[in-house]
Amino acid sequence: MERLRVLFLCTGNSARSQIAEALLRKLSRGRADVFSAGVSPAREVHPMALDVLESRFSVDTADLFPKHLDRFRGDRFDYVITVCDRSAETCPTFPGDPERIHWSFDDPVKGNGEEAQRRAFELVANGLAARLRIWMALPAVHLRLDAAEERNEVRP
């Protein structure tokens, strides 16, 4: 049984998909290969996304950066999870026909004012963490994560 491979997609790859990537990497304790990309990637990860990940979830964000979807077009994934409606509409096909999941989250960048925007980022991060925990408990996903751990395939 191979390691679980997951790709998160959103429009800019600066907030929602970056948060999902970082959270799944942490929640899976290195037992899955996790990536994120954007249809039209931003130049950098949004500072509030980094702050929420670091302050609320104790995630090291040093390796996070926006990536274009084209970087992954020939790669195989078990799951492709879109976290915004636009990316769900434009999601391409991938080799091996991975399972597609769509979780619609509002863009936290569009919050009106700094405090509202911060709350929006926290809401998205908490929502993603909750969905990831439930998704990871599904038998097919849980089995793959446990198999990676049994084979000592845990990566930072």
N, C-alpha and C. Protein backbone atom coordinates (compact mmCIF):
# COMPACT_ATOMS: atom_id res chain seq x y z
N MET A 1 0.85 -1.17 0.00
CA MET A 1 0.00 0.00 0.00
C MET A 1 0.90 1.25 0.00
N GLU A 2 0.72 2.10 -0.99
CA GLU A 2 1.55 3.30 -1.13
C GLU A 2 1.10 4.41 -0.18
N ARG A 3 2.01 5.36 0.04
CA ARG A 3 1.67 6.52 0.87
C ARG A 3 0.53 7.31 0.23
N LEU A 4 -0.28 7.87 1.05
CA LEU A 4 -1.38 8.71 0.62
C LEU A 4 -0.82 10.01 0.03
N ARG A 5 -1.34 10.40 -1.15
CA ARG A 5 -0.92 11.64 -1.81
C ARG A 5 -2.14 12.53 -2.02
N VAL A 6 -2.04 13.77 -1.51
CA VAL A 6 -3.18 14.69 -1.53
C VAL A 6 -2.74 16.03 -2.09
N LEU A 7 -3.59 16.59 -2.97
CA LEU A 7 -3.36 17.92 -3.53
C LEU A 7 -4.55 18.80 -3.19
N PHE A 8 -4.28 19.96 -2.58
CA PHE A 8 -5.30 20.95 -2.30
C PHE A 8 -5.19 22.06 -3.34
N LEU A 9 -6.34 22.46 -3.88
CA LEU A 9 -6.37 23.50 -4.90
C LEU A 9 -7.28 24.66 -4.49
N CYS A 10 -6.83 25.87 -4.80
CA CYS A 10 -7.68 27.05 -4.72
C CYS A 10 -7.19 28.04 -5.78
N THR A 11 -7.77 29.19 -5.82
CA THR A 11 -7.44 30.14 -6.88
C THR A 11 -6.01 30.67 -6.75
N GLY A 12 -5.70 31.33 -5.65
CA GLY A 12 -4.41 32.01 -5.51
C GLY A 12 -3.33 31.24 -4.79
N ASN A 13 -3.68 30.15 -4.15
CA ASN A 13 -2.72 29.36 -3.37
C ASN A 13 -1.97 30.24 -2.38
N SER A 14 -2.71 31.19 -1.79
CA SER A 14 -2.08 32.07 -0.81
C SER A 14 -2.72 31.96 0.57
N ALA A 15 -3.86 31.28 0.67
CA ALA A 15 -4.54 31.19 1.96
C ALA A 15 -5.15 29.81 2.19
N ARG A 16 -6.35 29.56 1.63
CA ARG A 16 -7.09 28.34 1.95
C ARG A 16 -6.31 27.06 1.67
N SER A 17 -5.78 26.92 0.46
CA SER A 17 -5.07 25.68 0.13
C SER A 17 -3.76 25.56 0.90
N GLN A 18 -3.11 26.69 1.18
CA GLN A 18 -1.89 26.65 1.97
C GLN A 18 -2.19 26.20 3.40
N ILE A 19 -3.28 26.73 3.95
CA ILE A 19 -3.68 26.33 5.31
C ILE A 19 -4.00 24.84 5.33
N ALA A 20 -4.75 24.37 4.34
CA ALA A 20 -5.11 22.94 4.28
C ALA A 20 -3.86 22.07 4.16
N GLU A 21 -2.93 22.46 3.30
CA GLU A 21 -1.69 21.70 3.14
C GLU A 21 -0.94 21.59 4.46
N ALA A 22 -0.74 22.72 5.10
CA ALA A 22 0.02 22.74 6.36
C ALA A 22 -0.68 21.96 7.46
N LEU A 23 -2.00 22.11 7.54
CA LEU A 23 -2.74 21.40 8.60
C LEU A 23 -2.74 19.89 8.38
N LEU A 24 -2.95 19.45 7.14
CA LEU A 24 -2.93 18.00 6.91
C LEU A 24 -1.54 17.43 7.16
N ARG A 25 -0.53 18.14 6.79
CA ARG A 25 0.83 17.66 7.06
C ARG A 25 1.02 17.48 8.57
N LYS A 26 0.54 18.46 9.35
CA LYS A 26 0.68 18.36 10.81
C LYS A 26 -0.23 17.29 11.39
N LEU A 27 -1.51 17.29 11.00
CA LEU A 27 -2.45 16.33 11.57
C LEU A 27 -2.12 14.88 11.20
N SER A 28 -1.54 14.69 10.03
CA SER A 28 -1.18 13.32 9.62
C SER A 28 0.16 12.89 10.22
N ARG A 29 0.82 13.81 10.87
CA ARG A 29 2.13 13.54 11.50
C ARG A 29 3.12 12.97 10.48
N GLY A 30 3.11 13.56 9.29
CA GLY A 30 4.08 13.17 8.27
C GLY A 30 3.79 11.86 7.57
N ARG A 31 2.58 11.33 7.72
CA ARG A 31 2.24 10.04 7.12
C ARG A 31 1.62 10.14 5.74
N ALA A 32 1.56 11.36 5.19
CA ALA A 32 1.00 11.56 3.86
C ALA A 32 1.86 12.56 3.10
N ASP A 33 1.85 12.46 1.79
CA ASP A 33 2.50 13.46 0.94
C ASP A 33 1.44 14.48 0.58
N VAL A 34 1.66 15.72 0.99
CA VAL A 34 0.64 16.76 0.88
C VAL A 34 1.18 17.94 0.09
N PHE A 35 0.37 18.43 -0.85
CA PHE A 35 0.76 19.53 -1.71
C PHE A 35 -0.41 20.49 -1.86
N SER A 36 -0.10 21.71 -2.32
CA SER A 36 -1.16 22.65 -2.66
C SER A 36 -0.72 23.44 -3.88
N ALA A 37 -1.71 23.97 -4.59
CA ALA A 37 -1.43 24.75 -5.79
C ALA A 37 -2.61 25.67 -6.07
N GLY A 38 -2.37 26.60 -7.00
CA GLY A 38 -3.41 27.54 -7.38
C GLY A 38 -3.57 27.65 -8.88
N VAL A 39 -4.77 28.01 -9.29
CA VAL A 39 -5.06 28.24 -10.69
C VAL A 39 -4.34 29.50 -11.17
N SER A 40 -4.31 30.53 -10.33
CA SER A 40 -3.60 31.79 -10.59
C SER A 40 -2.86 32.16 -9.32
N PRO A 41 -1.71 31.52 -9.06
CA PRO A 41 -1.05 31.70 -7.76
C PRO A 41 -0.58 33.13 -7.50
N ALA A 42 -0.70 33.51 -6.25
CA ALA A 42 -0.21 34.80 -5.78
C ALA A 42 1.31 34.76 -5.69
N ARG A 43 1.89 35.88 -5.39
CA ARG A 43 3.36 35.94 -5.25
C ARG A 43 3.85 35.40 -3.92
N GLU A 44 2.99 35.47 -2.91
CA GLU A 44 3.39 34.99 -1.59
C GLU A 44 2.18 34.49 -0.82
N VAL A 45 2.46 33.71 0.20
CA VAL A 45 1.39 33.25 1.09
C VAL A 45 0.95 34.46 1.92
N HIS A 46 -0.34 34.59 2.09
CA HIS A 46 -0.87 35.74 2.83
C HIS A 46 -0.33 35.73 4.26
N PRO A 47 0.15 36.87 4.76
CA PRO A 47 0.71 36.92 6.11
C PRO A 47 -0.25 36.45 7.21
N MET A 48 -1.55 36.71 7.04
CA MET A 48 -2.50 36.25 8.07
C MET A 48 -2.67 34.73 8.05
N ALA A 49 -2.52 34.12 6.89
CA ALA A 49 -2.56 32.65 6.84
C ALA A 49 -1.38 32.08 7.62
N LEU A 50 -0.22 32.68 7.41
CA LEU A 50 0.98 32.22 8.13
C LEU A 50 0.81 32.44 9.62
N ASP A 51 0.29 33.60 10.00
CA ASP A 51 0.12 33.92 11.42
C ASP A 51 -0.85 32.95 12.10
N VAL A 52 -1.98 32.66 11.45
CA VAL A 52 -2.95 31.73 12.04
C VAL A 52 -2.35 30.34 12.19
N LEU A 53 -1.63 29.89 11.19
CA LEU A 53 -1.01 28.57 11.26
C LEU A 53 0.01 28.50 12.39
N GLU A 54 0.81 29.55 12.53
CA GLU A 54 1.85 29.56 13.56
C GLU A 54 1.27 29.74 14.96
N SER A 55 0.38 30.73 15.13
CA SER A 55 -0.09 31.07 16.47
C SER A 55 -1.17 30.11 17.00
N ARG A 56 -2.07 29.64 16.16
CA ARG A 56 -3.17 28.80 16.63
C ARG A 56 -2.91 27.30 16.50
N PHE A 57 -2.02 26.94 15.57
CA PHE A 57 -1.81 25.51 15.32
C PHE A 57 -0.34 25.08 15.48
N SER A 58 0.53 26.01 15.85
CA SER A 58 1.96 25.72 16.05
C SER A 58 2.58 25.02 14.84
N VAL A 59 2.28 25.53 13.65
CA VAL A 59 2.80 24.97 12.42
C VAL A 59 3.99 25.79 11.95
N ASP A 60 5.06 25.12 11.57
CA ASP A 60 6.22 25.78 10.97
C ASP A 60 5.85 26.08 9.52
N THR A 61 5.85 27.36 9.16
CA THR A 61 5.41 27.77 7.83
C THR A 61 6.56 28.12 6.88
N ALA A 62 7.78 27.85 7.29
CA ALA A 62 8.95 28.27 6.51
C ALA A 62 8.95 27.72 5.08
N ASP A 63 8.40 26.54 4.86
CA ASP A 63 8.45 25.91 3.54
C ASP A 63 7.23 26.19 2.66
N LEU A 64 6.31 27.01 3.13
CA LEU A 64 5.10 27.28 2.35
C LEU A 64 5.36 28.38 1.33
N PHE A 65 4.93 28.13 0.09
CA PHE A 65 5.01 29.15 -0.96
C PHE A 65 3.99 28.80 -2.04
N PRO A 66 3.46 29.82 -2.74
CA PRO A 66 2.47 29.56 -3.79
C PRO A 66 3.08 28.81 -4.97
N LYS A 67 2.28 27.89 -5.50
CA LYS A 67 2.71 27.07 -6.64
C LYS A 67 1.59 27.04 -7.68
N HIS A 68 1.96 27.00 -8.93
CA HIS A 68 0.98 26.94 -10.00
C HIS A 68 0.52 25.50 -10.19
N LEU A 69 -0.73 25.34 -10.52
CA LEU A 69 -1.32 24.03 -10.77
C LEU A 69 -0.55 23.23 -11.82
N ASP A 70 0.00 23.89 -12.83
CA ASP A 70 0.73 23.20 -13.89
C ASP A 70 1.89 22.37 -13.36
N ARG A 71 2.44 22.76 -12.24
CA ARG A 71 3.57 22.04 -11.63
C ARG A 71 3.20 20.59 -11.31
N PHE A 72 1.92 20.32 -11.12
CA PHE A 72 1.47 19.00 -10.68
C PHE A 72 0.64 18.23 -11.70
N ARG A 73 0.47 18.77 -12.89
CA ARG A 73 -0.45 18.17 -13.87
C ARG A 73 -0.15 16.71 -14.22
N GLY A 74 1.08 16.29 -14.24
CA GLY A 74 1.40 14.90 -14.59
C GLY A 74 1.54 13.99 -13.38
N ASP A 75 1.35 14.54 -12.17
CA ASP A 75 1.53 13.75 -10.94
C ASP A 75 0.28 12.95 -10.61
N ARG A 76 0.50 11.87 -9.89
CA ARG A 76 -0.61 11.03 -9.42
C ARG A 76 -0.94 11.43 -7.97
N PHE A 77 -2.23 11.50 -7.71
CA PHE A 77 -2.73 11.79 -6.37
C PHE A 77 -3.86 10.83 -6.06
N ASP A 78 -4.05 10.56 -4.78
CA ASP A 78 -5.19 9.76 -4.35
C ASP A 78 -6.42 10.65 -4.21
N TYR A 79 -6.19 11.88 -3.76
CA TYR A 79 -7.28 12.83 -3.57
C TYR A 79 -6.84 14.20 -4.09
N VAL A 80 -7.76 14.86 -4.77
CA VAL A 80 -7.60 16.26 -5.13
C VAL A 80 -8.76 16.98 -4.45
N ILE A 81 -8.42 17.87 -3.53
CA ILE A 81 -9.44 18.55 -2.74
C ILE A 81 -9.42 20.04 -3.09
N THR A 82 -10.52 20.51 -3.65
CA THR A 82 -10.65 21.92 -3.96
C THR A 82 -11.29 22.63 -2.77
N VAL A 83 -10.78 23.81 -2.44
CA VAL A 83 -11.27 24.54 -1.27
C VAL A 83 -11.88 25.88 -1.64
N CYS A 84 -12.10 26.09 -2.93
CA CYS A 84 -12.84 27.26 -3.38
C CYS A 84 -13.61 26.88 -4.64
N ASP A 85 -14.70 27.59 -4.88
CA ASP A 85 -15.58 27.22 -5.99
C ASP A 85 -14.91 27.39 -7.34
N ARG A 86 -14.11 28.43 -7.51
CA ARG A 86 -13.48 28.66 -8.81
C ARG A 86 -12.54 27.51 -9.19
N SER A 87 -11.75 27.04 -8.24
CA SER A 87 -10.83 25.95 -8.55
C SER A 87 -11.59 24.66 -8.83
N ALA A 88 -12.73 24.48 -8.19
CA ALA A 88 -13.54 23.28 -8.44
C ALA A 88 -14.06 23.29 -9.87
N GLU A 89 -14.42 24.48 -10.37
CA GLU A 89 -14.94 24.60 -11.73
C GLU A 89 -13.88 24.38 -12.79
N THR A 90 -12.62 24.70 -12.48
CA THR A 90 -11.55 24.62 -13.48
C THR A 90 -10.57 23.49 -13.21
N CYS A 91 -10.86 22.63 -12.27
CA CYS A 91 -9.95 21.56 -11.90
C CYS A 91 -9.71 20.61 -13.07
N PRO A 92 -8.45 20.41 -13.45
CA PRO A 92 -8.16 19.52 -14.58
C PRO A 92 -8.21 18.05 -14.15
N THR A 93 -8.03 17.18 -15.10
CA THR A 93 -7.93 15.76 -14.79
C THR A 93 -6.48 15.44 -14.43
N PHE A 94 -6.31 14.41 -13.65
CA PHE A 94 -4.98 13.97 -13.23
C PHE A 94 -4.83 12.49 -13.53
N PRO A 95 -3.59 12.03 -13.73
CA PRO A 95 -3.38 10.60 -13.98
C PRO A 95 -3.94 9.75 -12.84
N GLY A 96 -4.47 8.60 -13.19
CA GLY A 96 -4.97 7.67 -12.18
C GLY A 96 -6.36 8.00 -11.66
N ASP A 97 -6.97 9.07 -12.16
CA ASP A 97 -8.33 9.45 -11.77
C ASP A 97 -8.50 9.51 -10.25
N PRO A 98 -7.83 10.46 -9.58
CA PRO A 98 -7.95 10.56 -8.13
C PRO A 98 -9.37 10.94 -7.71
N GLU A 99 -9.70 10.61 -6.48
CA GLU A 99 -11.00 11.01 -5.96
C GLU A 99 -10.99 12.52 -5.76
N ARG A 100 -12.05 13.18 -6.20
CA ARG A 100 -12.17 14.63 -6.06
C ARG A 100 -13.15 14.94 -4.94
N ILE A 101 -12.75 15.89 -4.13
CA ILE A 101 -13.58 16.35 -3.02
C ILE A 101 -13.63 17.87 -3.13
N HIS A 102 -14.79 18.45 -2.86
CA HIS A 102 -14.90 19.91 -2.87
C HIS A 102 -15.40 20.40 -1.52
N TRP A 103 -14.59 21.26 -0.90
CA TRP A 103 -14.98 21.93 0.34
C TRP A 103 -14.99 23.41 0.03
N SER A 104 -16.13 24.03 0.02
CA SER A 104 -16.24 25.44 -0.33
C SER A 104 -16.02 26.32 0.90
N PHE A 105 -14.96 27.10 0.85
CA PHE A 105 -14.66 28.06 1.90
C PHE A 105 -14.58 29.46 1.29
N ASP A 106 -15.18 30.43 1.97
CA ASP A 106 -15.07 31.81 1.51
C ASP A 106 -13.63 32.28 1.59
N ASP A 107 -13.27 33.19 0.71
CA ASP A 107 -11.92 33.74 0.68
C ASP A 107 -11.73 34.65 1.89
N PRO A 108 -10.85 34.30 2.83
CA PRO A 108 -10.68 35.13 4.02
C PRO A 108 -10.02 36.48 3.72
N VAL A 109 -9.38 36.60 2.59
CA VAL A 109 -8.73 37.86 2.22
C VAL A 109 -9.77 38.95 2.03
N LYS A 110 -10.99 38.57 1.70
CA LYS A 110 -12.04 39.55 1.40
C LYS A 110 -12.72 40.11 2.63
N GLY A 111 -12.20 39.81 3.82
CA GLY A 111 -12.75 40.39 5.04
C GLY A 111 -12.62 41.91 5.02
N ASN A 112 -13.60 42.60 5.58
CA ASN A 112 -13.63 44.06 5.57
C ASN A 112 -12.96 44.60 6.84
N GLY A 113 -11.72 45.04 6.72
CA GLY A 113 -10.97 45.52 7.87
C GLY A 113 -10.09 44.43 8.44
N GLU A 114 -9.04 44.84 9.13
CA GLU A 114 -8.04 43.88 9.62
C GLU A 114 -8.60 42.89 10.62
N GLU A 115 -9.43 43.36 11.55
CA GLU A 115 -9.98 42.45 12.57
C GLU A 115 -10.95 41.45 11.95
N ALA A 116 -11.78 41.91 11.04
CA ALA A 116 -12.72 41.01 10.36
C ALA A 116 -11.95 40.00 9.50
N GLN A 117 -10.90 40.45 8.89
CA GLN A 117 -10.09 39.56 8.06
C GLN A 117 -9.40 38.50 8.93
N ARG A 118 -8.89 38.91 10.07
CA ARG A 118 -8.25 37.96 10.99
C ARG A 118 -9.25 36.90 11.43
N ARG A 119 -10.47 37.33 11.78
CA ARG A 119 -11.51 36.37 12.18
C ARG A 119 -11.84 35.43 11.02
N ALA A 120 -11.86 35.96 9.80
CA ALA A 120 -12.15 35.13 8.62
C ALA A 120 -11.07 34.08 8.42
N PHE A 121 -9.81 34.44 8.60
CA PHE A 121 -8.71 33.47 8.48
C PHE A 121 -8.82 32.40 9.57
N GLU A 122 -9.14 32.80 10.78
CA GLU A 122 -9.29 31.83 11.87
C GLU A 122 -10.46 30.89 11.60
N LEU A 123 -11.56 31.44 11.09
CA LEU A 123 -12.73 30.63 10.77
C LEU A 123 -12.40 29.59 9.69
N VAL A 124 -11.70 30.01 8.65
CA VAL A 124 -11.31 29.08 7.58
C VAL A 124 -10.38 28.01 8.13
N ALA A 125 -9.39 28.41 8.90
CA ALA A 125 -8.43 27.44 9.45
C ALA A 125 -9.13 26.44 10.37
N ASN A 126 -10.01 26.92 11.23
CA ASN A 126 -10.74 26.02 12.12
C ASN A 126 -11.65 25.09 11.33
N GLY A 127 -12.30 25.62 10.31
CA GLY A 127 -13.17 24.79 9.47
C GLY A 127 -12.40 23.72 8.73
N LEU A 128 -11.25 24.09 8.19
CA LEU A 128 -10.41 23.11 7.49
C LEU A 128 -9.90 22.04 8.46
N ALA A 129 -9.47 22.46 9.63
CA ALA A 129 -8.98 21.49 10.62
C ALA A 129 -10.07 20.49 10.98
N ALA A 130 -11.29 20.98 11.17
CA ALA A 130 -12.41 20.09 11.52
C ALA A 130 -12.70 19.11 10.39
N ARG A 131 -12.77 19.61 9.17
CA ARG A 131 -13.05 18.71 8.04
C ARG A 131 -11.92 17.70 7.84
N LEU A 132 -10.69 18.14 8.01
CA LEU A 132 -9.56 17.22 7.85
C LEU A 132 -9.60 16.11 8.89
N ARG A 133 -9.94 16.45 10.12
CA ARG A 133 -10.02 15.42 11.17
C ARG A 133 -11.10 14.38 10.84
N ILE A 134 -12.24 14.85 10.38
CA ILE A 134 -13.31 13.92 10.00
C ILE A 134 -12.88 13.07 8.81
N TRP A 135 -12.31 13.72 7.78
CA TRP A 135 -11.87 13.02 6.57
C TRP A 135 -10.81 11.97 6.91
N MET A 136 -9.87 12.33 7.80
CA MET A 136 -8.81 11.39 8.18
C MET A 136 -9.36 10.18 8.93
N ALA A 137 -10.52 10.31 9.54
CA ALA A 137 -11.12 9.20 10.27
C ALA A 137 -11.86 8.22 9.36
N LEU A 138 -12.07 8.60 8.10
CA LEU A 138 -12.71 7.67 7.17
C LEU A 138 -11.84 6.42 7.03
N PRO A 139 -12.44 5.24 7.01
CA PRO A 139 -11.65 4.01 6.99
C PRO A 139 -10.59 3.95 5.89
N ALA A 140 -10.91 4.35 4.67
CA ALA A 140 -9.94 4.26 3.57
C ALA A 140 -8.73 5.17 3.81
N VAL A 141 -8.97 6.34 4.34
CA VAL A 141 -7.89 7.29 4.60
C VAL A 141 -7.09 6.84 5.82
N HIS A 142 -7.81 6.50 6.88
CA HIS A 142 -7.16 6.07 8.12
C HIS A 142 -6.24 4.86 7.89
N LEU A 143 -6.70 3.91 7.10
CA LEU A 143 -5.91 2.72 6.79
C LEU A 143 -4.60 3.09 6.09
N ARG A 144 -4.66 4.00 5.14
CA ARG A 144 -3.46 4.41 4.41
C ARG A 144 -2.47 5.13 5.32
N LEU A 145 -2.97 5.98 6.18
CA LEU A 145 -2.09 6.71 7.11
C LEU A 145 -1.43 5.74 8.09
N ASP A 146 -2.20 4.80 8.62
CA ASP A 146 -1.63 3.81 9.54
C ASP A 146 -0.60 2.93 8.85
N ALA A 147 -0.85 2.57 7.60
CA ALA A 147 0.09 1.72 6.86
C ALA A 147 1.42 2.43 6.67
N ALA A 148 1.40 3.72 6.41
CA ALA A 148 2.64 4.49 6.25
C ALA A 148 3.42 4.50 7.56
N GLU A 149 2.71 4.63 8.67
CA GLU A 149 3.38 4.63 9.97
C GLU A 149 3.99 3.26 10.28
N GLU A 150 3.27 2.20 9.96
CA GLU A 150 3.77 0.85 10.21
C GLU A 150 5.03 0.56 9.40
N ARG A 151 5.13 1.17 8.20
CA ARG A 151 6.31 0.97 7.36
C ARG A 151 7.41 2.00 7.66
N ASN A 152 7.22 2.77 8.71
CA ASN A 152 8.17 3.83 9.09
C ASN A 152 8.40 4.83 7.95
N GLU A 153 7.33 5.20 7.28
CA GLU A 153 7.40 6.18 6.21
C GLU A 153 6.89 7.53 6.68
N VAL A 154 7.27 7.91 7.86
CA VAL A 154 6.85 9.21 8.42
C VAL A 154 7.91 10.24 8.05
N ARG A 155 7.45 11.33 7.46
CA ARG A 155 8.36 12.41 7.03
C ARG A 155 7.98 13.70 7.74
N PRO A 156 8.96 14.55 7.97
CA PRO A 156 8.65 15.83 8.63
C PRO A 156 7.74 16.71 7.81
